[in-house]
C-alpha cells in the first residue's frame, strides 16, 4: 500500500516535532510528539505526563515546553508531554501524575473523560493548570469533580498573589506575596464542592480576592488546581515554578 499524502504529512510532522524545539511548533497543534517515558522505569522515579492543547494559548511552548523543563530539573522526575489525544491515552497508562491544561474539544470527548476518571480512580495525582480550570460545562462531570467550580471570565495584567495557607506543602518556600503578569481568572467555587484555597489573587471586577491555587477533596486521589499560567510572564515566574513543582510532588504522595 502506497503511503497517502495524509500519512506522509503526519510522518513529517512527527519527525519535525521530534527534532524541533516545542517553541517552533504551531500554538494550536494536536499532532503527536513521540515522547516516551524511560523504560524500564528507574527505581524511585516519578513519571509526570503533561497534556494540553487548544486555543488562545501557546500550549507547546509553555505548558508542554517550559513546564516540562521546570519539572525535568527535579531529581528523579521523568517527564513526557503531548497535545495529542491518542498519545495522551497511551501515556496515561504509565504515568504517576498528570498535569492537564487544555480547552481543545478532544479533551471533552467521552473517551478522554472516561480515561481521566479512571486515572483519578487509580489514585494517580492530578494538577489542573490554567485553561483546565475554565468553565467546561460541556464536559459532563468534569468541573464538578476535578475543578470544584468554574471560571467564566478573566482580567489581565500585573497583580499580586497572596499565600493563604502557609502550612500546606503546595505553598512551601513560596513567597507570602508575589507579583505576576498573567490572566486573573475570576474563579467561582461550587457550593457543594470541598475546596481548600491555598493562594488568592487581587480582586478583579470582584469584591473579594480570587482563588488562584486550591485543592479539591476527592474520594480517590489528590487534586491541585492552579489558575495562573497564561504565557511566558507566568511560566517563567519563580513563584509559579515553585507552585507547579510542589503541586506535582504533593499529588504524587
C-alpha atoms as a PDB file:
ATOM      1  CA  UNK A   1       0.000   0.000   0.000  1.00  0.00           C
ATOM      2  CA  UNK A   2       1.442   3.327  -1.040  1.00  0.00           C
ATOM      3  CA  UNK A   3       1.601   5.984   1.669  1.00  0.00           C
ATOM      4  CA  UNK A   4      -1.018   8.676   1.193  1.00  0.00           C
ATOM      5  CA  UNK A   5      -0.352  12.380   1.362  1.00  0.00           C
ATOM      6  CA  UNK A   6      -2.030  12.405   4.776  1.00  0.00           C
ATOM      7  CA  UNK A   7       0.259   9.667   6.049  1.00  0.00           C
ATOM      8  CA  UNK A   8       3.307  11.433   4.677  1.00  0.00           C
ATOM      9  CA  UNK A   9       2.186  14.701   6.218  1.00  0.00           C
ATOM     10  CA  UNK A  10       1.648  13.114   9.627  1.00  0.00           C
ATOM     11  CA  UNK A  11       5.003  11.351   9.430  1.00  0.00           C
ATOM     12  CA  UNK A  12       6.722  14.580   8.501  1.00  0.00           C
ATOM     13  CA  UNK A  13       5.036  16.461  11.337  1.00  0.00           C
ATOM     14  CA  UNK A  14       6.015  13.783  13.840  1.00  0.00           C
ATOM     15  CA  UNK A  15       9.625  13.855  12.652  1.00  0.00           C
ATOM     16  CA  UNK A  16       9.559  17.640  12.856  1.00  0.00           C
ATOM     17  CA  UNK A  17       8.229  17.509  16.414  1.00  0.00           C
ATOM     18  CA  UNK A  18      10.962  15.115  17.477  1.00  0.00           C
ATOM     19  CA  UNK A  19      13.837  17.247  16.206  1.00  0.00           C
ATOM     20  CA  UNK A  20      12.472  20.774  16.689  1.00  0.00           C
ATOM     21  CA  UNK A  21      12.064  22.654  19.967  1.00  0.00           C
ATOM     22  CA  UNK A  22       8.457  22.841  21.103  1.00  0.00           C
ATOM     23  CA  UNK A  23       8.558  26.610  20.694  1.00  0.00           C
ATOM     24  CA  UNK A  24       8.778  26.073  16.922  1.00  0.00           C
ATOM     25  CA  UNK A  25       5.508  24.127  16.732  1.00  0.00           C
ATOM     26  CA  UNK A  26       2.160  25.739  15.875  1.00  0.00           C
ATOM     27  CA  UNK A  27       0.497  27.048  19.041  1.00  0.00           C
ATOM     28  CA  UNK A  28      -2.664  25.032  18.370  1.00  0.00           C
ATOM     29  CA  UNK A  29      -1.048  21.766  17.246  1.00  0.00           C
ATOM     30  CA  UNK A  30      -2.628  18.456  18.242  1.00  0.00           C
ATOM     31  CA  UNK A  31      -0.113  16.293  16.401  1.00  0.00           C
ATOM     32  CA  UNK A  32       1.690  13.513  18.328  1.00  0.00           C
ATOM     33  CA  UNK A  33       5.179  14.354  19.569  1.00  0.00           C
ATOM     34  CA  UNK A  34       6.553  10.867  20.058  1.00  0.00           C
ATOM     35  CA  UNK A  35       7.743  11.431  23.615  1.00  0.00           C
ATOM     36  CA  UNK A  36       8.060   8.383  25.875  1.00  0.00           C
ATOM     37  CA  UNK A  37       8.880   7.602  29.481  1.00  0.00           C
ATOM     38  CA  UNK A  38      12.129   5.800  30.256  1.00  0.00           C
ATOM     39  CA  UNK A  39      11.774   2.029  30.092  1.00  0.00           C
ATOM     40  CA  UNK A  40      12.188   0.136  32.246  1.00  0.00           C
ATOM     41  CA  UNK A  41      11.170   2.613  34.911  1.00  0.00           C
ATOM     42  CA  UNK A  42      14.169   3.582  37.062  1.00  0.00           C
ATOM     43  CA  UNK A  43      13.751   2.992  40.790  1.00  0.00           C
ATOM     44  CA  UNK A  44      12.253   5.865  42.799  1.00  0.00           C
ATOM     45  CA  UNK A  45      11.367   7.765  39.630  1.00  0.00           C
ATOM     46  CA  UNK A  46       8.201   9.835  39.336  1.00  0.00           C
ATOM     47  CA  UNK A  47       6.628   9.786  35.886  1.00  0.00           C
ATOM     48  CA  UNK A  48       4.872  13.065  35.095  1.00  0.00           C
ATOM     49  CA  UNK A  49       2.715  13.466  31.998  1.00  0.00           C
ATOM     50  CA  UNK A  50       1.952  16.936  30.626  1.00  0.00           C
ATOM     51  CA  UNK A  51      -1.171  17.034  28.455  1.00  0.00           C
ATOM     52  CA  UNK A  52      -2.678  20.038  26.739  1.00  0.00           C
ATOM     53  CA  UNK A  53      -3.786  21.741  23.541  1.00  0.00           C
ATOM     54  CA  UNK A  54      -6.369  24.165  22.276  1.00  0.00           C
ATOM     55  CA  UNK A  55      -6.863  27.825  21.500  1.00  0.00           C
ATOM     56  CA  UNK A  56      -5.811  31.209  22.934  1.00  0.00           C
ATOM     57  CA  UNK A  57      -2.555  29.830  24.373  1.00  0.00           C
ATOM     58  CA  UNK A  58       0.790  28.556  23.094  1.00  0.00           C
ATOM     59  CA  UNK A  59       0.474  25.100  24.621  1.00  0.00           C
ATOM     60  CA  UNK A  60       3.602  23.540  23.034  1.00  0.00           C
ATOM     61  CA  UNK A  61       5.873  26.411  24.029  1.00  0.00           C
ATOM     62  CA  UNK A  62       4.790  26.966  27.628  1.00  0.00           C
ATOM     63  CA  UNK A  63       2.631  24.155  29.032  1.00  0.00           C
ATOM     64  CA  UNK A  64       4.446  21.321  27.259  1.00  0.00           C
ATOM     65  CA  UNK A  65       7.810  23.075  26.924  1.00  0.00           C
ATOM     66  CA  UNK A  66       8.714  25.480  29.726  1.00  0.00           C
ATOM     67  CA  UNK A  67       6.806  23.494  32.353  1.00  0.00           C
ATOM     68  CA  UNK A  68       8.434  20.257  31.205  1.00  0.00           C
ATOM     69  CA  UNK A  69      11.886  21.801  31.661  1.00  0.00           C
ATOM     70  CA  UNK A  70      10.890  23.051  35.114  1.00  0.00           C
ATOM     71  CA  UNK A  71       9.874  19.544  36.168  1.00  0.00           C
ATOM     72  CA  UNK A  72      12.811  17.815  34.499  1.00  0.00           C
ATOM     73  CA  UNK A  73      15.118  19.852  36.735  1.00  0.00           C
ATOM     74  CA  UNK A  74      13.700  17.993  39.741  1.00  0.00           C
ATOM     75  CA  UNK A  75      15.774  14.882  40.582  1.00  0.00           C
ATOM     76  CA  UNK A  76      14.191  11.501  39.804  1.00  0.00           C
ATOM     77  CA  UNK A  77      11.455  13.016  37.642  1.00  0.00           C
ATOM     78  CA  UNK A  78      10.743  11.567  34.198  1.00  0.00           C
ATOM     79  CA  UNK A  79       8.611  13.840  32.021  1.00  0.00           C
ATOM     80  CA  UNK A  80       6.664  13.262  28.804  1.00  0.00           C
ATOM     81  CA  UNK A  81       4.377  15.762  27.077  1.00  0.00           C
ATOM     82  CA  UNK A  82       1.760  15.668  24.339  1.00  0.00           C
ATOM     83  CA  UNK A  83      -1.038  17.742  22.766  1.00  0.00           C
ATOM     84  CA  UNK A  84      -2.496  14.639  21.114  1.00  0.00           C
ATOM     85  CA  UNK A  85      -5.457  12.619  22.414  1.00  0.00           C
ATOM     86  CA  UNK A  86      -4.342   9.140  21.324  1.00  0.00           C
ATOM     87  CA  UNK A  87      -0.811   9.709  22.575  1.00  0.00           C
ATOM     88  CA  UNK A  88      -2.143  11.016  25.887  1.00  0.00           C
ATOM     89  CA  UNK A  89      -4.325   7.940  26.368  1.00  0.00           C
ATOM     90  CA  UNK A  90      -1.330   5.667  25.768  1.00  0.00           C
ATOM     91  CA  UNK A  91       0.978   7.599  28.105  1.00  0.00           C
ATOM     92  CA  UNK A  92      -1.597   7.876  30.892  1.00  0.00           C
ATOM     93  CA  UNK A  93      -1.286   4.129  31.471  1.00  0.00           C
ATOM     94  CA  UNK A  94       2.313   4.552  32.659  1.00  0.00           C
ATOM     95  CA  UNK A  95       2.149   7.997  34.287  1.00  0.00           C
ATOM     96  CA  UNK A  96       2.093   8.557  38.051  1.00  0.00           C
ATOM     97  CA  UNK A  97       0.922  12.171  37.841  1.00  0.00           C
ATOM     98  CA  UNK A  98      -0.740  14.187  35.096  1.00  0.00           C
ATOM     99  CA  UNK A  99      -0.581  17.945  34.627  1.00  0.00           C
ATOM    100  CA  UNK A 100      -3.502  18.910  32.399  1.00  0.00           C
ATOM    101  CA  UNK A 101      -4.185  22.218  30.681  1.00  0.00           C
ATOM    102  CA  UNK A 102      -6.393  22.290  27.633  1.00  0.00           C
ATOM    103  CA  UNK A 103      -9.531  23.620  26.014  1.00  0.00           C
ATOM    104  CA  UNK A 104      -9.496  21.685  22.730  1.00  0.00           C
ATOM    105  CA  UNK A 105     -12.720  19.760  22.118  1.00  0.00           C
ATOM    106  CA  UNK A 106     -10.804  16.436  22.016  1.00  0.00           C
ATOM    107  CA  UNK A 107     -10.432  16.690  25.800  1.00  0.00           C
ATOM    108  CA  UNK A 108     -14.195  16.885  26.209  1.00  0.00           C
ATOM    109  CA  UNK A 109     -14.785  13.602  24.400  1.00  0.00           C
ATOM    110  CA  UNK A 110     -16.223  10.668  26.308  1.00  0.00           C
ATOM    111  CA  UNK A 111     -13.035   8.726  25.559  1.00  0.00           C
ATOM    112  CA  UNK A 112     -10.752  11.185  27.338  1.00  0.00           C
ATOM    113  CA  UNK A 113     -13.149  11.979  30.160  1.00  0.00           C
ATOM    114  CA  UNK A 114     -13.534   8.279  30.982  1.00  0.00           C
ATOM    115  CA  UNK A 115      -9.754   7.901  30.955  1.00  0.00           C
ATOM    116  CA  UNK A 116      -9.392  10.929  33.230  1.00  0.00           C
ATOM    117  CA  UNK A 117     -11.831   9.491  35.782  1.00  0.00           C
ATOM    118  CA  UNK A 118     -10.083   6.114  35.557  1.00  0.00           C
ATOM    119  CA  UNK A 119      -6.723   7.826  36.147  1.00  0.00           C
ATOM    120  CA  UNK A 120      -8.069   9.520  39.272  1.00  0.00           C
ATOM    121  CA  UNK A 121      -9.809   6.359  40.483  1.00  0.00           C
ATOM    122  CA  UNK A 122      -6.439   4.583  40.286  1.00  0.00           C
ATOM    123  CA  UNK A 123      -5.206   7.096  42.900  1.00  0.00           C
ATOM    124  CA  UNK A 124      -2.923   8.875  40.455  1.00  0.00           C
ATOM    125  CA  UNK A 125      -2.408  12.578  41.156  1.00  0.00           C
ATOM    126  CA  UNK A 126      -3.739  15.456  39.057  1.00  0.00           C
ATOM    127  CA  UNK A 127      -2.610  19.053  38.637  1.00  0.00           C
ATOM    128  CA  UNK A 128      -5.176  21.086  36.701  1.00  0.00           C
ATOM    129  CA  UNK A 129      -3.498  24.131  35.219  1.00  0.00           C
ATOM    130  CA  UNK A 130      -4.877  27.449  33.914  1.00  0.00           C
ATOM    131  CA  UNK A 131      -7.155  26.629  30.942  1.00  0.00           C
ATOM    132  CA  UNK A 132      -8.146  23.399  32.704  1.00  0.00           C
ATOM    133  CA  UNK A 133      -9.885  25.486  35.385  1.00  0.00           C
ATOM    134  CA  UNK A 134     -12.145  27.262  32.873  1.00  0.00           C
ATOM    135  CA  UNK A 135     -15.899  26.672  32.637  1.00  0.00           C
ATOM    136  CA  UNK A 136     -16.014  23.455  30.593  1.00  0.00           C
ATOM    137  CA  UNK A 137     -19.737  22.984  31.067  1.00  0.00           C
ATOM    138  CA  UNK A 138     -19.997  20.634  28.108  1.00  0.00           C
ATOM    139  CA  UNK A 139     -17.606  18.155  29.712  1.00  0.00           C
ATOM    140  CA  UNK A 140     -20.037  16.168  31.848  1.00  0.00           C
ATOM    141  CA  UNK A 141     -18.920  15.931  35.474  1.00  0.00           C
ATOM    142  CA  UNK A 142     -15.500  17.449  34.777  1.00  0.00           C
ATOM    143  CA  UNK A 143     -15.757  20.781  36.589  1.00  0.00           C
ATOM    144  CA  UNK A 144     -17.671  19.211  39.461  1.00  0.00           C
ATOM    145  CA  UNK A 145     -15.107  16.528  40.287  1.00  0.00           C
ATOM    146  CA  UNK A 146     -11.778  17.929  39.150  1.00  0.00           C
ATOM    147  CA  UNK A 147     -12.098  21.703  39.495  1.00  0.00           C
ATOM    148  CA  UNK A 148     -14.620  22.318  42.250  1.00  0.00           C
ATOM    149  CA  UNK A 149     -16.141  25.225  40.378  1.00  0.00           C
ATOM    150  CA  UNK A 150     -15.651  27.170  37.170  1.00  0.00           C
ATOM    151  CA  UNK A 151     -14.034  30.243  35.629  1.00  0.00           C
ATOM    152  CA  UNK A 152     -16.433  32.211  33.400  1.00  0.00           C
ATOM    153  CA  UNK A 153     -14.152  35.190  32.666  1.00  0.00           C
ATOM    154  CA  UNK A 154     -10.772  36.762  33.376  1.00  0.00           C
ATOM    155  CA  UNK A 155      -8.853  40.002  33.608  1.00  0.00           C
ATOM    156  CA  UNK A 156      -5.236  40.520  32.577  1.00  0.00           C
ATOM    157  CA  UNK A 157      -2.252  42.470  33.824  1.00  0.00           C
ATOM    158  CA  UNK A 158       0.130  42.761  36.751  1.00  0.00           C
ATOM    159  CA  UNK A 159      -1.392  41.694  40.070  1.00  0.00           C
ATOM    160  CA  UNK A 160      -0.376  40.353  43.453  1.00  0.00           C
ATOM    161  CA  UNK A 161      -0.795  36.779  44.641  1.00  0.00           C
ATOM    162  CA  UNK A 162      -1.040  36.098  48.377  1.00  0.00           C
ATOM    163  CA  UNK A 163      -0.406  32.761  50.062  1.00  0.00           C
ATOM    164  CA  UNK A 164      -3.372  31.948  52.307  1.00  0.00           C
ATOM    165  CA  UNK A 165      -2.342  28.530  53.633  1.00  0.00           C
ATOM    166  CA  UNK A 166       1.322  28.875  54.599  1.00  0.00           C
ATOM    167  CA  UNK A 167       1.457  25.391  56.131  1.00  0.00           C
ATOM    168  CA  UNK A 168       0.355  23.454  53.044  1.00  0.00           C
ATOM    169  CA  UNK A 169       3.011  21.513  51.111  1.00  0.00           C
ATOM    170  CA  UNK A 170       1.864  23.199  47.885  1.00  0.00           C
ATOM    171  CA  UNK A 171       2.968  26.616  49.179  1.00  0.00           C
ATOM    172  CA  UNK A 172       6.231  25.524  50.803  1.00  0.00           C
ATOM    173  CA  UNK A 173       9.031  28.047  50.091  1.00  0.00           C
ATOM    174  CA  UNK A 174       6.650  30.190  48.009  1.00  0.00           C
ATOM    175  CA  UNK A 175       6.857  33.913  48.914  1.00  0.00           C
ATOM    176  CA  UNK A 176       3.944  35.033  51.076  1.00  0.00           C
ATOM    177  CA  UNK A 177       3.209  37.674  48.443  1.00  0.00           C
ATOM    178  CA  UNK A 178       4.470  37.867  44.878  1.00  0.00           C
ATOM    179  CA  UNK A 179       3.714  39.821  41.719  1.00  0.00           C
ATOM    180  CA  UNK A 180       2.860  38.178  38.423  1.00  0.00           C
ATOM    181  CA  UNK A 181       1.794  39.392  34.988  1.00  0.00           C
ATOM    182  CA  UNK A 182      -0.911  36.993  33.927  1.00  0.00           C
ATOM    183  CA  UNK A 183      -4.587  36.437  33.278  1.00  0.00           C
ATOM    184  CA  UNK A 184      -6.509  36.902  36.511  1.00  0.00           C
ATOM    185  CA  UNK A 185      -9.099  34.121  36.399  1.00  0.00           C
ATOM    186  CA  UNK A 186     -12.356  35.003  38.156  1.00  0.00           C
ATOM    187  CA  UNK A 187     -12.834  31.517  39.575  1.00  0.00           C
ATOM    188  CA  UNK A 188     -16.156  30.683  41.234  1.00  0.00           C
ATOM    189  CA  UNK A 189     -16.232  27.890  43.822  1.00  0.00           C
ATOM    190  CA  UNK A 190     -19.156  25.480  43.516  1.00  0.00           C
ATOM    191  CA  UNK A 191     -21.134  25.488  46.777  1.00  0.00           C
ATOM    192  CA  UNK A 192     -21.268  21.702  47.051  1.00  0.00           C
ATOM    193  CA  UNK A 193     -17.566  21.183  46.383  1.00  0.00           C
ATOM    194  CA  UNK A 194     -14.904  20.689  49.035  1.00  0.00           C
ATOM    195  CA  UNK A 195     -12.220  23.186  48.096  1.00  0.00           C
ATOM    196  CA  UNK A 196      -9.331  24.471  50.209  1.00  0.00           C
ATOM    197  CA  UNK A 197      -7.798  27.698  48.891  1.00  0.00           C
ATOM    198  CA  UNK A 198      -4.003  27.884  49.169  1.00  0.00           C
ATOM    199  CA  UNK A 199      -3.444  31.212  47.353  1.00  0.00           C
ATOM    200  CA  UNK A 200      -5.582  34.048  46.077  1.00  0.00           C
ATOM    201  CA  UNK A 201      -5.193  36.938  43.620  1.00  0.00           C
ATOM    202  CA  UNK A 202      -6.106  40.589  43.946  1.00  0.00           C
ATOM    203  CA  UNK A 203      -9.803  41.248  43.240  1.00  0.00           C
ATOM    204  CA  UNK A 204     -10.641  41.853  39.580  1.00  0.00           C
ATOM    205  CA  UNK A 205     -14.139  43.217  38.975  1.00  0.00           C
ATOM    206  CA  UNK A 206     -15.000  41.459  42.227  1.00  0.00           C
ATOM    207  CA  UNK A 207     -15.358  42.467  45.870  1.00  0.00           C
ATOM    208  CA  UNK A 208     -13.293  39.604  47.214  1.00  0.00           C
ATOM    209  CA  UNK A 209      -9.864  38.196  46.311  1.00  0.00           C
ATOM    210  CA  UNK A 210      -9.915  35.459  43.664  1.00  0.00           C
ATOM    211  CA  UNK A 211      -8.722  31.888  44.357  1.00  0.00           C
ATOM    212  CA  UNK A 212      -5.669  31.071  42.246  1.00  0.00           C
ATOM    213  CA  UNK A 213      -4.343  27.874  43.845  1.00  0.00           C
ATOM    214  CA  UNK A 214      -6.617  25.375  45.571  1.00  0.00           C
ATOM    215  CA  UNK A 215      -7.031  21.697  46.338  1.00  0.00           C
ATOM    216  CA  UNK A 216     -10.169  19.710  45.581  1.00  0.00           C
ATOM    217  CA  UNK A 217     -11.041  16.956  48.037  1.00  0.00           C
ATOM    218  CA  UNK A 218     -11.642  13.738  46.121  1.00  0.00           C
ATOM    219  CA  UNK A 219     -12.611  10.270  47.297  1.00  0.00           C
ATOM    220  CA  UNK A 220      -9.764   8.575  45.441  1.00  0.00           C
ATOM    221  CA  UNK A 221      -6.906  10.951  44.630  1.00  0.00           C
ATOM    222  CA  UNK A 222      -5.233  14.297  45.253  1.00  0.00           C
ATOM    223  CA  UNK A 223      -6.040  17.251  43.008  1.00  0.00           C
ATOM    224  CA  UNK A 224      -4.431  20.694  42.842  1.00  0.00           C
ATOM    225  CA  UNK A 225      -5.813  23.459  40.635  1.00  0.00           C
ATOM    226  CA  UNK A 226      -3.711  26.456  39.565  1.00  0.00           C
ATOM    227  CA  UNK A 227      -5.494  29.168  37.612  1.00  0.00           C
ATOM    228  CA  UNK A 228      -2.245  31.006  36.835  1.00  0.00           C
ATOM    229  CA  UNK A 229      -0.213  30.349  33.691  1.00  0.00           C
ATOM    230  CA  UNK A 230      -1.205  32.183  30.509  1.00  0.00           C
ATOM    231  CA  UNK A 231       2.165  32.807  28.839  1.00  0.00           C
ATOM    232  CA  UNK A 232       5.898  33.361  29.408  1.00  0.00           C
ATOM    233  CA  UNK A 233       5.408  36.008  32.105  1.00  0.00           C
ATOM    234  CA  UNK A 234       3.720  33.371  34.250  1.00  0.00           C
ATOM    235  CA  UNK A 235       5.586  30.190  33.317  1.00  0.00           C
ATOM    236  CA  UNK A 236       8.970  31.891  33.836  1.00  0.00           C
ATOM    237  CA  UNK A 237       7.909  33.312  37.200  1.00  0.00           C
ATOM    238  CA  UNK A 238       9.915  31.661  40.004  1.00  0.00           C
ATOM    239  CA  UNK A 239       6.926  31.511  42.356  1.00  0.00           C
ATOM    240  CA  UNK A 240       4.801  29.870  39.654  1.00  0.00           C
ATOM    241  CA  UNK A 241       7.520  27.287  39.048  1.00  0.00           C
ATOM    242  CA  UNK A 242       7.712  26.509  42.753  1.00  0.00           C
ATOM    243  CA  UNK A 243       3.942  26.102  42.962  1.00  0.00           C
ATOM    244  CA  UNK A 244       3.993  23.727  39.991  1.00  0.00           C
ATOM    245  CA  UNK A 245       6.783  21.555  41.410  1.00  0.00           C
ATOM    246  CA  UNK A 246       5.228  21.496  44.884  1.00  0.00           C
ATOM    247  CA  UNK A 247       1.834  20.585  43.450  1.00  0.00           C
ATOM    248  CA  UNK A 248       3.223  17.688  41.431  1.00  0.00           C
ATOM    249  CA  UNK A 249       5.091  16.348  44.447  1.00  0.00           C
ATOM    250  CA  UNK A 250       2.061  16.683  46.732  1.00  0.00           C
ATOM    251  CA  UNK A 251      -0.432  14.929  44.459  1.00  0.00           C
ATOM    252  CA  UNK A 252       2.103  12.136  43.909  1.00  0.00           C
ATOM    253  CA  UNK A 253       2.030  11.137  47.590  1.00  0.00           C
END
